[in-house]
Amino acid sequence: MRSYILFISAIILSNCISEKPDQNKIDIKSSTETLIVTDSTIKVQPQKKNKPSILVLPPFDEIHNKGISPDILAYLEDAIGNDTSVSLIKFPLKKLMGTPYQNVFDKKYCQPILEVVDAEIVVMSKLDHLLSSGKMSGDTWNLRLRIYNTDADLQFDSKIKADELRDAELQKLLSEKQADLIEEIKNTFRNL
């Protein structure tokens, strides 16, 4: 509807423009497109959309401090950082000092983080330690991902899940599912 009103306004303005070539151009901007009105033509140019900024949080992991958990933060940052259509915010540890960022797996705990870091998307993860073999390479884990669109205040669980996988298998899974994860992130903007 808004585009239709802008189009009608552009036609009316084009009929009211003087004959001097330098004065025959008027730009009308909306949130999705720019209308350029000249003396004889009307052109519609789409505005460039910025890449969504994405922050990946360390996983919710009850035994993370023991140092035997997979590095899910690094795996997710690698997978997301390989895509040029999004802008990854490398986890800003120094900037978040004094801010509660550990064991966050729900949007209601993201507000203090978002006061320090400006991100449109927050990717959260949860690791459940299933089998302890004494060596991290032999342990198995469940992994769940949650995506939070901060602009829309919309949170959903990712379809990407892992059940009873070892560290190397988790890394491989996230690498293979990179395109699916990026698509899920982009869908949060399409569904607004």
N, C-alpha and C. Protein backbone atom coordinates (compact mmCIF):
# COMPACT_ATOMS: atom_id res chain seq x y z
N MET A 1 0.83 -1.19 0.00
CA MET A 1 0.00 0.00 0.00
C MET A 1 0.87 1.24 0.00
N ARG A 2 1.91 1.23 0.82
CA ARG A 2 2.80 2.39 0.92
C ARG A 2 3.51 2.63 -0.42
N SER A 3 3.93 1.55 -1.09
CA SER A 3 4.58 1.68 -2.38
C SER A 3 3.63 2.30 -3.40
N TYR A 4 2.36 1.90 -3.33
CA TYR A 4 1.36 2.43 -4.25
C TYR A 4 1.19 3.93 -4.04
N ILE A 5 1.13 4.38 -2.80
CA ILE A 5 1.00 5.81 -2.50
C ILE A 5 2.22 6.57 -2.98
N LEU A 6 3.41 6.00 -2.76
CA LEU A 6 4.64 6.63 -3.24
C LEU A 6 4.65 6.73 -4.76
N PHE A 7 4.15 5.71 -5.43
CA PHE A 7 4.12 5.70 -6.89
C PHE A 7 3.19 6.81 -7.40
N ILE A 8 2.01 6.93 -6.82
CA ILE A 8 1.05 7.97 -7.21
C ILE A 8 1.65 9.35 -6.95
N SER A 9 2.31 9.51 -5.80
CA SER A 9 2.95 10.80 -5.48
C SER A 9 4.03 11.13 -6.49
N ALA A 10 4.75 10.14 -6.93
CA ALA A 10 5.81 10.35 -7.93
C ALA A 10 5.23 10.80 -9.25
N ILE A 11 4.11 10.24 -9.65
CA ILE A 11 3.47 10.63 -10.91
C ILE A 11 2.99 12.08 -10.81
N ILE A 12 2.37 12.42 -9.71
CA ILE A 12 1.89 13.80 -9.51
C ILE A 12 3.06 14.78 -9.53
N LEU A 13 4.13 14.43 -8.84
CA LEU A 13 5.31 15.30 -8.82
C LEU A 13 5.95 15.43 -10.19
N SER A 14 5.94 14.35 -10.97
CA SER A 14 6.55 14.41 -12.30
C SER A 14 5.79 15.36 -13.21
N ASN A 15 4.50 15.52 -13.01
CA ASN A 15 3.71 16.45 -13.81
C ASN A 15 3.90 17.90 -13.39
N CYS A 16 4.42 18.12 -12.17
CA CYS A 16 4.61 19.46 -11.64
C CYS A 16 6.04 19.96 -11.78
N ILE A 17 6.93 19.19 -12.35
CA ILE A 17 8.35 19.55 -12.41
C ILE A 17 8.59 20.55 -13.54
N SER A 18 9.50 21.49 -13.30
CA SER A 18 9.83 22.50 -14.31
C SER A 18 10.62 21.89 -15.45
N GLU A 19 10.92 22.66 -16.49
CA GLU A 19 11.59 22.19 -17.69
C GLU A 19 13.10 22.19 -17.59
N LYS A 20 13.72 22.73 -16.53
CA LYS A 20 15.17 22.75 -16.41
C LYS A 20 15.66 21.35 -16.05
N PRO A 21 16.67 20.78 -16.79
CA PRO A 21 17.13 19.41 -16.54
C PRO A 21 17.69 19.20 -15.14
N ASP A 22 18.37 20.18 -14.57
CA ASP A 22 18.96 20.00 -13.24
C ASP A 22 17.91 19.94 -12.14
N GLN A 23 16.75 20.50 -12.41
CA GLN A 23 15.70 20.52 -11.40
C GLN A 23 14.65 19.43 -11.62
N ASN A 24 14.86 18.57 -12.58
CA ASN A 24 13.86 17.56 -12.93
C ASN A 24 14.03 16.23 -12.20
N LYS A 25 14.78 16.19 -11.14
CA LYS A 25 14.99 14.93 -10.42
C LYS A 25 14.59 15.11 -8.96
N ILE A 26 13.72 14.23 -8.50
CA ILE A 26 13.28 14.23 -7.12
C ILE A 26 13.40 12.80 -6.61
N ASP A 27 14.00 12.61 -5.45
CA ASP A 27 14.12 11.29 -4.83
C ASP A 27 13.10 11.17 -3.73
N ILE A 28 12.32 10.12 -3.76
CA ILE A 28 11.37 9.81 -2.70
C ILE A 28 11.82 8.49 -2.11
N LYS A 29 12.08 8.45 -0.80
CA LYS A 29 12.62 7.24 -0.17
C LYS A 29 11.61 6.63 0.78
N SER A 30 11.56 5.32 0.74
CA SER A 30 10.79 4.56 1.72
C SER A 30 11.73 3.55 2.34
N SER A 31 11.23 2.70 3.23
CA SER A 31 12.10 1.74 3.90
C SER A 31 12.56 0.62 2.97
N THR A 32 11.88 0.42 1.84
CA THR A 32 12.26 -0.69 0.97
C THR A 32 12.75 -0.28 -0.41
N GLU A 33 12.42 0.91 -0.85
CA GLU A 33 12.84 1.30 -2.19
C GLU A 33 12.96 2.81 -2.33
N THR A 34 13.67 3.24 -3.36
CA THR A 34 13.83 4.65 -3.66
C THR A 34 13.19 4.91 -5.02
N LEU A 35 12.30 5.88 -5.08
CA LEU A 35 11.71 6.28 -6.36
C LEU A 35 12.46 7.50 -6.87
N ILE A 36 12.90 7.44 -8.12
CA ILE A 36 13.56 8.58 -8.74
C ILE A 36 12.64 9.07 -9.84
N VAL A 37 12.21 10.31 -9.72
CA VAL A 37 11.30 10.89 -10.68
C VAL A 37 12.07 11.88 -11.55
N THR A 38 12.02 11.67 -12.85
CA THR A 38 12.62 12.62 -13.78
C THR A 38 11.52 13.13 -14.70
N ASP A 39 11.89 14.00 -15.64
CA ASP A 39 10.88 14.64 -16.47
C ASP A 39 10.08 13.66 -17.33
N SER A 40 10.68 12.54 -17.74
CA SER A 40 9.92 11.64 -18.61
C SER A 40 9.88 10.19 -18.13
N THR A 41 10.62 9.86 -17.10
CA THR A 41 10.66 8.46 -16.68
C THR A 41 10.49 8.35 -15.17
N ILE A 42 10.06 7.21 -14.75
CA ILE A 42 10.00 6.88 -13.34
C ILE A 42 10.77 5.57 -13.17
N LYS A 43 11.78 5.60 -12.30
CA LYS A 43 12.60 4.41 -12.06
C LYS A 43 12.49 4.02 -10.60
N VAL A 44 12.44 2.74 -10.34
CA VAL A 44 12.42 2.23 -8.98
C VAL A 44 13.73 1.48 -8.76
N GLN A 45 14.46 1.90 -7.73
CA GLN A 45 15.72 1.26 -7.39
C GLN A 45 15.62 0.69 -5.98
N PRO A 46 15.85 -0.60 -5.83
CA PRO A 46 15.82 -1.16 -4.47
C PRO A 46 16.99 -0.66 -3.65
N GLN A 47 16.75 -0.40 -2.36
CA GLN A 47 17.83 0.00 -1.48
C GLN A 47 18.65 -1.21 -1.09
N LYS A 48 19.94 -1.01 -0.88
CA LYS A 48 20.80 -2.10 -0.45
C LYS A 48 20.46 -2.44 1.00
N LYS A 49 20.34 -3.73 1.28
CA LYS A 49 20.09 -4.16 2.65
C LYS A 49 21.42 -4.48 3.30
N ASN A 50 21.54 -4.10 4.54
CA ASN A 50 22.74 -4.41 5.30
C ASN A 50 22.75 -5.88 5.67
N LYS A 51 23.94 -6.39 5.86
CA LYS A 51 24.08 -7.77 6.32
C LYS A 51 23.66 -7.84 7.78
N PRO A 52 22.89 -8.86 8.14
CA PRO A 52 22.53 -8.98 9.56
C PRO A 52 23.77 -9.28 10.41
N SER A 53 23.87 -8.61 11.54
CA SER A 53 25.00 -8.85 12.46
C SER A 53 24.63 -9.97 13.42
N ILE A 54 25.55 -10.92 13.57
CA ILE A 54 25.28 -12.12 14.35
C ILE A 54 26.32 -12.28 15.45
N LEU A 55 25.83 -12.49 16.66
CA LEU A 55 26.68 -12.78 17.81
C LEU A 55 26.40 -14.21 18.26
N VAL A 56 27.46 -15.00 18.39
CA VAL A 56 27.34 -16.37 18.89
C VAL A 56 27.80 -16.37 20.35
N LEU A 57 26.94 -16.88 21.21
CA LEU A 57 27.28 -16.95 22.64
C LEU A 57 27.92 -18.30 22.98
N PRO A 58 28.73 -18.34 24.02
CA PRO A 58 29.25 -19.63 24.49
C PRO A 58 28.08 -20.54 24.87
N PRO A 59 28.26 -21.84 24.76
CA PRO A 59 27.14 -22.75 25.00
C PRO A 59 26.72 -22.80 26.47
N PHE A 60 25.45 -23.10 26.67
CA PHE A 60 24.96 -23.46 28.00
C PHE A 60 25.48 -24.87 28.23
N ASP A 61 26.38 -25.01 29.18
CA ASP A 61 27.06 -26.28 29.40
C ASP A 61 27.38 -26.38 30.88
N GLU A 62 26.76 -27.33 31.55
CA GLU A 62 26.92 -27.46 33.00
C GLU A 62 28.33 -27.83 33.42
N ILE A 63 29.12 -28.45 32.55
CA ILE A 63 30.48 -28.84 32.93
C ILE A 63 31.53 -28.05 32.15
N HIS A 64 31.16 -26.90 31.61
CA HIS A 64 32.07 -26.11 30.78
C HIS A 64 33.36 -25.73 31.52
N ASN A 65 33.25 -25.44 32.77
CA ASN A 65 34.43 -25.01 33.53
C ASN A 65 35.43 -26.14 33.78
N LYS A 66 35.06 -27.37 33.50
CA LYS A 66 35.99 -28.48 33.67
C LYS A 66 36.99 -28.57 32.51
N GLY A 67 36.71 -27.87 31.40
CA GLY A 67 37.62 -27.85 30.26
C GLY A 67 37.59 -29.09 29.40
N ILE A 68 36.53 -29.87 29.48
CA ILE A 68 36.46 -31.08 28.67
C ILE A 68 35.29 -31.04 27.68
N SER A 69 34.76 -29.86 27.40
CA SER A 69 33.64 -29.73 26.49
C SER A 69 34.11 -29.34 25.09
N PRO A 70 33.35 -29.73 24.07
CA PRO A 70 33.67 -29.29 22.71
C PRO A 70 33.57 -27.77 22.60
N ASP A 71 34.38 -27.19 21.72
CA ASP A 71 34.40 -25.74 21.55
C ASP A 71 33.32 -25.30 20.55
N ILE A 72 32.08 -25.40 20.98
CA ILE A 72 30.93 -25.10 20.13
C ILE A 72 30.96 -23.65 19.65
N LEU A 73 31.39 -22.73 20.50
CA LEU A 73 31.49 -21.32 20.10
C LEU A 73 32.38 -21.19 18.87
N ALA A 74 33.54 -21.79 18.89
CA ALA A 74 34.46 -21.72 17.74
C ALA A 74 33.88 -22.40 16.52
N TYR A 75 33.22 -23.55 16.70
CA TYR A 75 32.64 -24.27 15.57
C TYR A 75 31.54 -23.43 14.90
N LEU A 76 30.69 -22.81 15.71
CA LEU A 76 29.61 -21.98 15.16
C LEU A 76 30.16 -20.72 14.50
N GLU A 77 31.14 -20.08 15.13
CA GLU A 77 31.74 -18.89 14.53
C GLU A 77 32.40 -19.22 13.20
N ASP A 78 33.06 -20.37 13.11
CA ASP A 78 33.65 -20.78 11.83
C ASP A 78 32.58 -21.00 10.77
N ALA A 79 31.51 -21.69 11.14
CA ALA A 79 30.44 -21.98 10.18
C ALA A 79 29.75 -20.70 9.71
N ILE A 80 29.44 -19.80 10.62
CA ILE A 80 28.74 -18.57 10.26
C ILE A 80 29.69 -17.59 9.58
N GLY A 81 30.93 -17.53 10.05
CA GLY A 81 31.90 -16.60 9.48
C GLY A 81 32.28 -16.90 8.05
N ASN A 82 32.05 -18.12 7.58
CA ASN A 82 32.36 -18.49 6.20
C ASN A 82 31.34 -17.95 5.20
N ASP A 83 30.22 -17.47 5.67
CA ASP A 83 29.17 -16.95 4.79
C ASP A 83 29.31 -15.43 4.65
N THR A 84 29.41 -14.97 3.42
CA THR A 84 29.62 -13.53 3.18
C THR A 84 28.33 -12.72 3.21
N SER A 85 27.18 -13.38 3.31
CA SER A 85 25.91 -12.64 3.31
C SER A 85 25.51 -12.16 4.70
N VAL A 86 26.29 -12.53 5.71
CA VAL A 86 26.04 -12.09 7.08
C VAL A 86 27.31 -11.52 7.68
N SER A 87 27.16 -10.77 8.75
CA SER A 87 28.30 -10.15 9.43
C SER A 87 28.45 -10.75 10.82
N LEU A 88 29.49 -11.55 11.00
CA LEU A 88 29.73 -12.19 12.29
C LEU A 88 30.45 -11.24 13.23
N ILE A 89 29.93 -11.13 14.45
CA ILE A 89 30.61 -10.38 15.51
C ILE A 89 31.39 -11.42 16.31
N LYS A 90 32.71 -11.41 16.17
CA LYS A 90 33.52 -12.35 16.95
C LYS A 90 33.23 -12.10 18.42
N PHE A 91 33.16 -13.16 19.21
CA PHE A 91 32.77 -13.02 20.60
C PHE A 91 33.70 -12.04 21.32
N PRO A 92 33.14 -10.91 21.78
CA PRO A 92 33.94 -9.84 22.40
C PRO A 92 34.15 -10.06 23.90
N LEU A 93 35.04 -10.96 24.25
CA LEU A 93 35.25 -11.33 25.65
C LEU A 93 35.59 -10.13 26.53
N LYS A 94 36.53 -9.28 26.08
CA LYS A 94 36.92 -8.12 26.90
C LYS A 94 35.77 -7.14 27.08
N LYS A 95 35.01 -6.95 26.02
CA LYS A 95 33.89 -6.01 26.08
C LYS A 95 32.79 -6.50 27.03
N LEU A 96 32.66 -7.81 27.15
CA LEU A 96 31.60 -8.39 27.98
C LEU A 96 32.04 -8.73 29.41
N MET A 97 33.26 -8.35 29.77
CA MET A 97 33.71 -8.60 31.14
C MET A 97 32.75 -7.90 32.11
N GLY A 98 32.29 -8.60 33.10
CA GLY A 98 31.35 -8.03 34.07
C GLY A 98 29.90 -8.16 33.64
N THR A 99 29.67 -8.70 32.45
CA THR A 99 28.31 -8.90 31.94
C THR A 99 28.01 -10.40 31.98
N PRO A 100 26.86 -10.80 32.51
CA PRO A 100 26.55 -12.24 32.54
C PRO A 100 26.25 -12.78 31.14
N TYR A 101 27.18 -13.54 30.59
CA TYR A 101 27.00 -14.11 29.26
C TYR A 101 27.11 -15.63 29.25
N GLN A 102 27.48 -16.23 30.37
CA GLN A 102 27.64 -17.68 30.41
C GLN A 102 26.31 -18.36 30.72
N ASN A 103 26.15 -19.54 30.13
CA ASN A 103 24.95 -20.37 30.31
C ASN A 103 23.66 -19.62 29.96
N VAL A 104 23.68 -18.93 28.83
CA VAL A 104 22.51 -18.22 28.32
C VAL A 104 21.91 -19.07 27.20
N PHE A 105 20.66 -19.49 27.38
CA PHE A 105 19.96 -20.26 26.36
C PHE A 105 18.51 -19.80 26.23
N ASP A 106 18.26 -18.54 26.54
CA ASP A 106 16.93 -17.96 26.39
C ASP A 106 17.07 -16.46 26.21
N LYS A 107 16.19 -15.89 25.39
CA LYS A 107 16.28 -14.46 25.08
C LYS A 107 16.14 -13.57 26.31
N LYS A 108 15.45 -14.05 27.34
CA LYS A 108 15.25 -13.20 28.52
C LYS A 108 16.55 -12.89 29.25
N TYR A 109 17.61 -13.66 28.97
CA TYR A 109 18.91 -13.40 29.60
C TYR A 109 19.87 -12.65 28.67
N CYS A 110 19.41 -12.29 27.49
CA CYS A 110 20.27 -11.62 26.50
C CYS A 110 20.34 -10.10 26.68
N GLN A 111 19.41 -9.51 27.38
CA GLN A 111 19.35 -8.05 27.48
C GLN A 111 20.64 -7.41 27.99
N PRO A 112 21.27 -7.90 29.06
CA PRO A 112 22.54 -7.28 29.49
C PRO A 112 23.63 -7.36 28.42
N ILE A 113 23.63 -8.44 27.66
CA ILE A 113 24.61 -8.61 26.58
C ILE A 113 24.34 -7.60 25.48
N LEU A 114 23.07 -7.41 25.13
CA LEU A 114 22.70 -6.51 24.04
C LEU A 114 22.87 -5.04 24.41
N GLU A 115 23.01 -4.75 25.69
CA GLU A 115 23.31 -3.38 26.11
C GLU A 115 24.77 -3.04 25.81
N VAL A 116 25.61 -4.07 25.66
CA VAL A 116 27.04 -3.88 25.40
C VAL A 116 27.38 -4.13 23.94
N VAL A 117 26.72 -5.12 23.32
CA VAL A 117 27.01 -5.51 21.94
C VAL A 117 25.76 -5.31 21.10
N ASP A 118 25.89 -4.61 19.98
CA ASP A 118 24.77 -4.35 19.09
C ASP A 118 24.70 -5.46 18.04
N ALA A 119 23.82 -6.42 18.25
CA ALA A 119 23.66 -7.55 17.34
C ALA A 119 22.19 -7.70 16.97
N GLU A 120 21.93 -8.02 15.70
CA GLU A 120 20.56 -8.24 15.25
C GLU A 120 20.12 -9.68 15.53
N ILE A 121 21.09 -10.59 15.52
CA ILE A 121 20.82 -12.01 15.76
C ILE A 121 21.75 -12.51 16.85
N VAL A 122 21.21 -13.29 17.77
CA VAL A 122 22.03 -13.96 18.79
C VAL A 122 21.80 -15.46 18.61
N VAL A 123 22.90 -16.19 18.44
CA VAL A 123 22.83 -17.65 18.32
C VAL A 123 23.27 -18.24 19.66
N MET A 124 22.38 -19.02 20.26
CA MET A 124 22.67 -19.66 21.55
C MET A 124 22.72 -21.17 21.34
N SER A 125 23.47 -21.83 22.18
CA SER A 125 23.58 -23.29 22.07
C SER A 125 23.54 -23.92 23.46
N LYS A 126 23.17 -25.18 23.49
CA LYS A 126 23.12 -25.92 24.75
C LYS A 126 23.74 -27.30 24.52
N LEU A 127 24.70 -27.63 25.36
CA LEU A 127 25.36 -28.93 25.32
C LEU A 127 24.95 -29.75 26.53
N ASP A 128 24.56 -30.99 26.29
CA ASP A 128 24.27 -31.92 27.38
C ASP A 128 25.28 -33.05 27.29
N HIS A 129 26.02 -33.25 28.36
CA HIS A 129 27.04 -34.29 28.43
C HIS A 129 26.35 -35.61 28.75
N LEU A 130 26.44 -36.57 27.83
CA LEU A 130 25.74 -37.84 28.02
C LEU A 130 26.63 -38.94 28.58
N LEU A 131 27.79 -39.13 27.96
CA LEU A 131 28.66 -40.23 28.33
C LEU A 131 30.05 -39.71 28.63
N SER A 132 30.53 -40.00 29.81
CA SER A 132 31.87 -39.58 30.20
C SER A 132 32.81 -40.78 30.14
N SER A 133 33.80 -40.69 29.27
CA SER A 133 34.74 -41.79 29.10
C SER A 133 36.09 -41.50 29.74
N GLY A 134 36.25 -40.30 30.25
CA GLY A 134 37.54 -39.89 30.81
C GLY A 134 38.37 -39.10 29.81
N LYS A 135 38.05 -39.22 28.53
CA LYS A 135 38.71 -38.46 27.47
C LYS A 135 37.62 -37.74 26.67
N MET A 136 37.86 -36.47 26.34
CA MET A 136 36.85 -35.72 25.62
C MET A 136 36.54 -36.36 24.27
N SER A 137 37.53 -36.94 23.62
CA SER A 137 37.30 -37.54 22.30
C SER A 137 36.35 -38.73 22.35
N GLY A 138 36.19 -39.34 23.52
CA GLY A 138 35.29 -40.48 23.66
C GLY A 138 33.94 -40.13 24.25
N ASP A 139 33.80 -38.93 24.79
CA ASP A 139 32.53 -38.49 25.39
C ASP A 139 31.50 -38.22 24.30
N THR A 140 30.23 -38.37 24.66
CA THR A 140 29.15 -38.04 23.71
C THR A 140 28.30 -36.91 24.28
N TRP A 141 27.67 -36.18 23.33
CA TRP A 141 26.95 -34.96 23.68
C TRP A 141 25.67 -34.84 22.86
N ASN A 142 24.72 -34.13 23.44
CA ASN A 142 23.56 -33.64 22.70
C ASN A 142 23.76 -32.15 22.51
N LEU A 143 23.34 -31.63 21.36
CA LEU A 143 23.48 -30.20 21.06
C LEU A 143 22.15 -29.66 20.56
N ARG A 144 21.75 -28.51 21.09
CA ARG A 144 20.57 -27.79 20.63
C ARG A 144 20.98 -26.35 20.36
N LEU A 145 20.38 -25.76 19.32
CA LEU A 145 20.66 -24.37 18.96
C LEU A 145 19.37 -23.57 19.05
N ARG A 146 19.51 -22.31 19.42
CA ARG A 146 18.38 -21.38 19.49
C ARG A 146 18.81 -20.07 18.85
N ILE A 147 17.92 -19.51 18.04
CA ILE A 147 18.21 -18.27 17.31
C ILE A 147 17.26 -17.19 17.80
N TYR A 148 17.82 -16.01 18.08
CA TYR A 148 17.04 -14.90 18.61
C TYR A 148 17.24 -13.67 17.72
N ASN A 149 16.16 -13.22 17.09
CA ASN A 149 16.16 -11.98 16.30
C ASN A 149 15.84 -10.85 17.27
N THR A 150 16.83 -10.02 17.57
CA THR A 150 16.67 -8.99 18.60
C THR A 150 15.74 -7.87 18.15
N ASP A 151 15.72 -7.55 16.86
CA ASP A 151 14.86 -6.47 16.37
C ASP A 151 13.38 -6.84 16.49
N ALA A 152 13.06 -8.08 16.18
CA ALA A 152 11.67 -8.54 16.22
C ALA A 152 11.30 -9.17 17.57
N ASP A 153 12.29 -9.34 18.45
CA ASP A 153 12.09 -10.02 19.73
C ASP A 153 11.47 -11.41 19.50
N LEU A 154 12.04 -12.12 18.50
CA LEU A 154 11.55 -13.43 18.08
C LEU A 154 12.64 -14.47 18.34
N GLN A 155 12.29 -15.52 19.05
CA GLN A 155 13.22 -16.60 19.37
C GLN A 155 12.63 -17.91 18.90
N PHE A 156 13.47 -18.78 18.34
CA PHE A 156 13.00 -20.10 17.96
C PHE A 156 14.13 -21.11 18.04
N ASP A 157 13.76 -22.38 18.18
CA ASP A 157 14.73 -23.46 18.22
C ASP A 157 15.09 -23.84 16.80
N SER A 158 16.37 -24.03 16.57
CA SER A 158 16.86 -24.43 15.27
C SER A 158 16.49 -25.88 14.99
N LYS A 159 16.36 -26.20 13.71
CA LYS A 159 16.11 -27.58 13.31
C LYS A 159 17.39 -28.40 13.37
N ILE A 160 18.51 -27.73 13.48
CA ILE A 160 19.80 -28.42 13.55
C ILE A 160 19.99 -28.92 14.98
N LYS A 161 20.06 -30.23 15.11
CA LYS A 161 20.20 -30.88 16.42
C LYS A 161 21.21 -32.00 16.31
N ALA A 162 21.82 -32.30 17.42
CA ALA A 162 22.76 -33.42 17.46
C ALA A 162 22.44 -34.27 18.69
N ASP A 163 22.39 -35.55 18.49
CA ASP A 163 22.15 -36.48 19.59
C ASP A 163 23.25 -37.52 19.64
N GLU A 164 23.85 -37.64 20.82
CA GLU A 164 24.87 -38.65 21.09
C GLU A 164 26.03 -38.59 20.09
N LEU A 165 26.59 -37.41 19.89
CA LEU A 165 27.73 -37.25 18.99
C LEU A 165 28.98 -36.91 19.78
N ARG A 166 30.12 -37.29 19.23
CA ARG A 166 31.41 -36.95 19.83
C ARG A 166 31.84 -35.57 19.33
N ASP A 167 32.90 -35.05 19.91
CA ASP A 167 33.40 -33.71 19.58
C ASP A 167 33.64 -33.54 18.09
N ALA A 168 34.39 -34.43 17.47
CA ALA A 168 34.71 -34.32 16.03
C ALA A 168 33.45 -34.40 15.18
N GLU A 169 32.48 -35.21 15.62
CA GLU A 169 31.23 -35.34 14.88
C GLU A 169 30.39 -34.06 14.99
N LEU A 170 30.43 -33.40 16.15
CA LEU A 170 29.73 -32.12 16.32
C LEU A 170 30.31 -31.06 15.40
N GLN A 171 31.64 -31.00 15.34
CA GLN A 171 32.30 -30.03 14.47
C GLN A 171 31.93 -30.28 13.01
N LYS A 172 31.95 -31.52 12.60
CA LYS A 172 31.60 -31.88 11.21
C LYS A 172 30.14 -31.53 10.91
N LEU A 173 29.25 -31.84 11.83
CA LEU A 173 27.83 -31.55 11.65
C LEU A 173 27.59 -30.05 11.43
N LEU A 174 28.19 -29.22 12.30
CA LEU A 174 27.99 -27.77 12.18
C LEU A 174 28.59 -27.22 10.89
N SER A 175 29.67 -27.78 10.46
CA SER A 175 30.29 -27.37 9.20
C SER A 175 29.39 -27.75 8.02
N GLU A 176 28.85 -28.96 8.05
CA GLU A 176 27.97 -29.43 6.96
C GLU A 176 26.63 -28.70 6.94
N LYS A 177 26.13 -28.31 8.09
CA LYS A 177 24.81 -27.67 8.19
C LYS A 177 24.89 -26.14 8.16
N GLN A 178 26.04 -25.60 7.78
CA GLN A 178 26.25 -24.15 7.77
C GLN A 178 25.20 -23.44 6.91
N ALA A 179 24.93 -23.94 5.71
CA ALA A 179 23.95 -23.30 4.82
C ALA A 179 22.54 -23.33 5.44
N ASP A 180 22.20 -24.43 6.09
CA ASP A 180 20.89 -24.53 6.74
C ASP A 180 20.76 -23.53 7.89
N LEU A 181 21.83 -23.37 8.66
CA LEU A 181 21.81 -22.42 9.77
C LEU A 181 21.66 -20.98 9.27
N ILE A 182 22.40 -20.63 8.23
CA ILE A 182 22.29 -19.28 7.66
C ILE A 182 20.89 -19.05 7.11
N GLU A 183 20.31 -20.06 6.48
CA GLU A 183 18.95 -19.93 5.95
C GLU A 183 17.94 -19.71 7.08
N GLU A 184 18.09 -20.43 8.18
CA GLU A 184 17.20 -20.23 9.33
C GLU A 184 17.33 -18.80 9.87
N ILE A 185 18.54 -18.30 9.92
CA ILE A 185 18.77 -16.93 10.40
C ILE A 185 18.09 -15.93 9.47
N LYS A 186 18.28 -16.10 8.19
CA LYS A 186 17.67 -15.17 7.22
C LYS A 186 16.15 -15.25 7.23
N ASN A 187 15.60 -16.42 7.52
CA ASN A 187 14.14 -16.56 7.58
C ASN A 187 13.54 -15.74 8.71
N THR A 188 14.30 -15.45 9.76
CA THR A 188 13.76 -14.63 10.84
C THR A 188 13.45 -13.23 10.34
N PHE A 189 14.17 -12.76 9.31
CA PHE A 189 13.91 -11.44 8.75
C PHE A 189 12.77 -11.48 7.74
N ARG A 190 12.62 -12.57 7.02
CA ARG A 190 11.55 -12.70 6.02
C ARG A 190 10.18 -12.83 6.65
N ASN A 191 10.12 -13.38 7.85
CA ASN A 191 8.85 -13.65 8.50
C ASN A 191 8.31 -12.46 9.30
N LEU A 192 8.98 -11.31 9.19
CA LEU A 192 8.52 -10.14 9.94
C LEU A 192 7.32 -9.51 9.27
